[in-house]
Amino acid sequence: MITNAAAATLAGNPVFTSATYVSDSMSVRALLAAELVMTFTDPTPYQEVYFRTAELQGYEVANAWLIGATAHLFL
């Protein structure tokens, strides 16, 4: 079971929604980004990079990457 909220959402098994999730602001932003990515027609490229980054560098780095990779979509 994935305990990271953004990772669980990107894996297609969301355990929280951004409306009810309470954590540090970076985790909340990562969850918002993950929810957005999952609305894409093909979220696979984001999922692949996120999980590869998480495996190699940890969830904090993967969350930071996801926030940066989707920041322009929130403007």
C-alpha atoms as a PDB file:
ATOM      1  CA  MET A   1       0.000   0.000   0.000  1.00  0.00           C
ATOM      2  CA  ILE A   2       1.334   3.424  -0.974  1.00  0.00           C
ATOM      3  CA  THR A   3       1.180   5.871   1.926  1.00  0.00           C
ATOM      4  CA  ASN A   4       2.199   9.001  -0.004  1.00  0.00           C
ATOM      5  CA  ALA A   5      -1.008  10.816  -1.044  1.00  0.00           C
ATOM      6  CA  ALA A   6       0.279  12.046  -4.411  1.00  0.00           C
ATOM      7  CA  ALA A   7       1.817   8.666  -5.241  1.00  0.00           C
ATOM      8  CA  ALA A   8      -1.382   6.804  -4.369  1.00  0.00           C
ATOM      9  CA  THR A   9      -3.381   9.181  -6.566  1.00  0.00           C
ATOM     10  CA  LEU A  10      -0.982   8.775  -9.499  1.00  0.00           C
ATOM     11  CA  ALA A  11      -1.156   5.010  -9.051  1.00  0.00           C
ATOM     12  CA  GLY A  12      -4.922   5.234  -9.500  1.00  0.00           C
ATOM     13  CA  ASN A  13      -5.710   4.440  -5.864  1.00  0.00           C
ATOM     14  CA  PRO A  14      -6.383   7.793  -4.200  1.00  0.00           C
ATOM     15  CA  VAL A  15      -6.626   7.586  -0.421  1.00  0.00           C
ATOM     16  CA  PHE A  16      -7.274  11.303   0.090  1.00  0.00           C
ATOM     17  CA  THR A  17      -8.695  14.179  -1.905  1.00  0.00           C
ATOM     18  CA  SER A  18      -7.145  17.616  -1.858  1.00  0.00           C
ATOM     19  CA  ALA A  19     -10.391  18.937  -0.351  1.00  0.00           C
ATOM     20  CA  THR A  20      -9.965  16.827   2.798  1.00  0.00           C
ATOM     21  CA  TYR A  21      -6.190  16.317   2.995  1.00  0.00           C
ATOM     22  CA  VAL A  22      -4.338  18.115   5.778  1.00  0.00           C
ATOM     23  CA  SER A  23      -0.551  18.081   5.698  1.00  0.00           C
ATOM     24  CA  ASP A  24       2.370  20.350   4.911  1.00  0.00           C
ATOM     25  CA  SER A  25       1.805  22.694   1.977  1.00  0.00           C
ATOM     26  CA  MET A  26       4.209  20.821  -0.323  1.00  0.00           C
ATOM     27  CA  SER A  27       2.317  17.538   0.113  1.00  0.00           C
ATOM     28  CA  VAL A  28      -1.006  19.263  -0.500  1.00  0.00           C
ATOM     29  CA  ARG A  29       0.347  20.905  -3.657  1.00  0.00           C
ATOM     30  CA  ALA A  30       1.706  17.571  -4.848  1.00  0.00           C
ATOM     31  CA  LEU A  31      -1.705  15.973  -4.283  1.00  0.00           C
ATOM     32  CA  LEU A  32      -3.411  18.780  -6.235  1.00  0.00           C
ATOM     33  CA  ALA A  33      -0.901  18.247  -9.050  1.00  0.00           C
ATOM     34  CA  ALA A  34      -1.488  14.480  -8.987  1.00  0.00           C
ATOM     35  CA  GLU A  35      -5.254  14.974  -9.183  1.00  0.00           C
ATOM     36  CA  LEU A  36      -4.763  17.282 -12.152  1.00  0.00           C
ATOM     37  CA  VAL A  37      -2.446  14.842 -13.939  1.00  0.00           C
ATOM     38  CA  MET A  38      -4.969  12.035 -13.518  1.00  0.00           C
ATOM     39  CA  THR A  39      -7.488  14.082 -15.526  1.00  0.00           C
ATOM     40  CA  PHE A  40      -5.165  14.075 -18.548  1.00  0.00           C
ATOM     41  CA  THR A  41      -6.039  11.833 -21.476  1.00  0.00           C
ATOM     42  CA  ASP A  42      -2.662  10.138 -21.031  1.00  0.00           C
ATOM     43  CA  PRO A  43      -1.085  10.664 -17.602  1.00  0.00           C
ATOM     44  CA  THR A  44       1.498   7.926 -18.256  1.00  0.00           C
ATOM     45  CA  PRO A  45       4.540  10.166 -18.947  1.00  0.00           C
ATOM     46  CA  TYR A  46       4.027  11.997 -15.658  1.00  0.00           C
ATOM     47  CA  GLN A  47       3.426   8.759 -13.788  1.00  0.00           C
ATOM     48  CA  GLU A  48       6.586   7.163 -15.185  1.00  0.00           C
ATOM     49  CA  VAL A  49       8.850  10.067 -14.292  1.00  0.00           C
ATOM     50  CA  TYR A  50       7.220  10.507 -10.870  1.00  0.00           C
ATOM     51  CA  PHE A  51       7.616   6.872  -9.836  1.00  0.00           C
ATOM     52  CA  ARG A  52      11.127   6.591 -11.276  1.00  0.00           C
ATOM     53  CA  THR A  53      12.128   9.713  -9.351  1.00  0.00           C
ATOM     54  CA  ALA A  54      10.475   8.406  -6.182  1.00  0.00           C
ATOM     55  CA  GLU A  55      12.331   5.128  -6.497  1.00  0.00           C
ATOM     56  CA  LEU A  56      15.704   6.768  -7.045  1.00  0.00           C
ATOM     57  CA  GLN A  57      15.431   9.878  -4.873  1.00  0.00           C
ATOM     58  CA  GLY A  58      12.386   9.518  -2.643  1.00  0.00           C
ATOM     59  CA  TYR A  59       8.867  10.875  -2.529  1.00  0.00           C
ATOM     60  CA  GLU A  60       9.853  14.379  -1.421  1.00  0.00           C
ATOM     61  CA  VAL A  61      11.938  14.864  -4.564  1.00  0.00           C
ATOM     62  CA  ALA A  62       9.239  13.250  -6.725  1.00  0.00           C
ATOM     63  CA  ASN A  63       6.610  15.540  -5.203  1.00  0.00           C
ATOM     64  CA  ALA A  64       8.793  18.575  -5.892  1.00  0.00           C
ATOM     65  CA  TRP A  65       9.264  17.431  -9.499  1.00  0.00           C
ATOM     66  CA  LEU A  66       5.508  16.955  -9.948  1.00  0.00           C
ATOM     67  CA  ILE A  67       4.739  20.404  -8.561  1.00  0.00           C
ATOM     68  CA  GLY A  68       7.293  21.982 -10.877  1.00  0.00           C
ATOM     69  CA  ALA A  69       6.208  19.953 -13.897  1.00  0.00           C
ATOM     70  CA  THR A  70       2.585  21.048 -13.537  1.00  0.00           C
ATOM     71  CA  ALA A  71       3.029  24.585 -12.145  1.00  0.00           C
ATOM     72  CA  HIS A  72       2.329  26.252 -15.491  1.00  0.00           C
ATOM     73  CA  LEU A  73      -1.050  24.497 -15.642  1.00  0.00           C
ATOM     74  CA  PHE A  74      -2.256  26.229 -12.465  1.00  0.00           C
ATOM     75  CA  LEU A  75      -1.745  29.771 -13.820  1.00  0.00           C
END
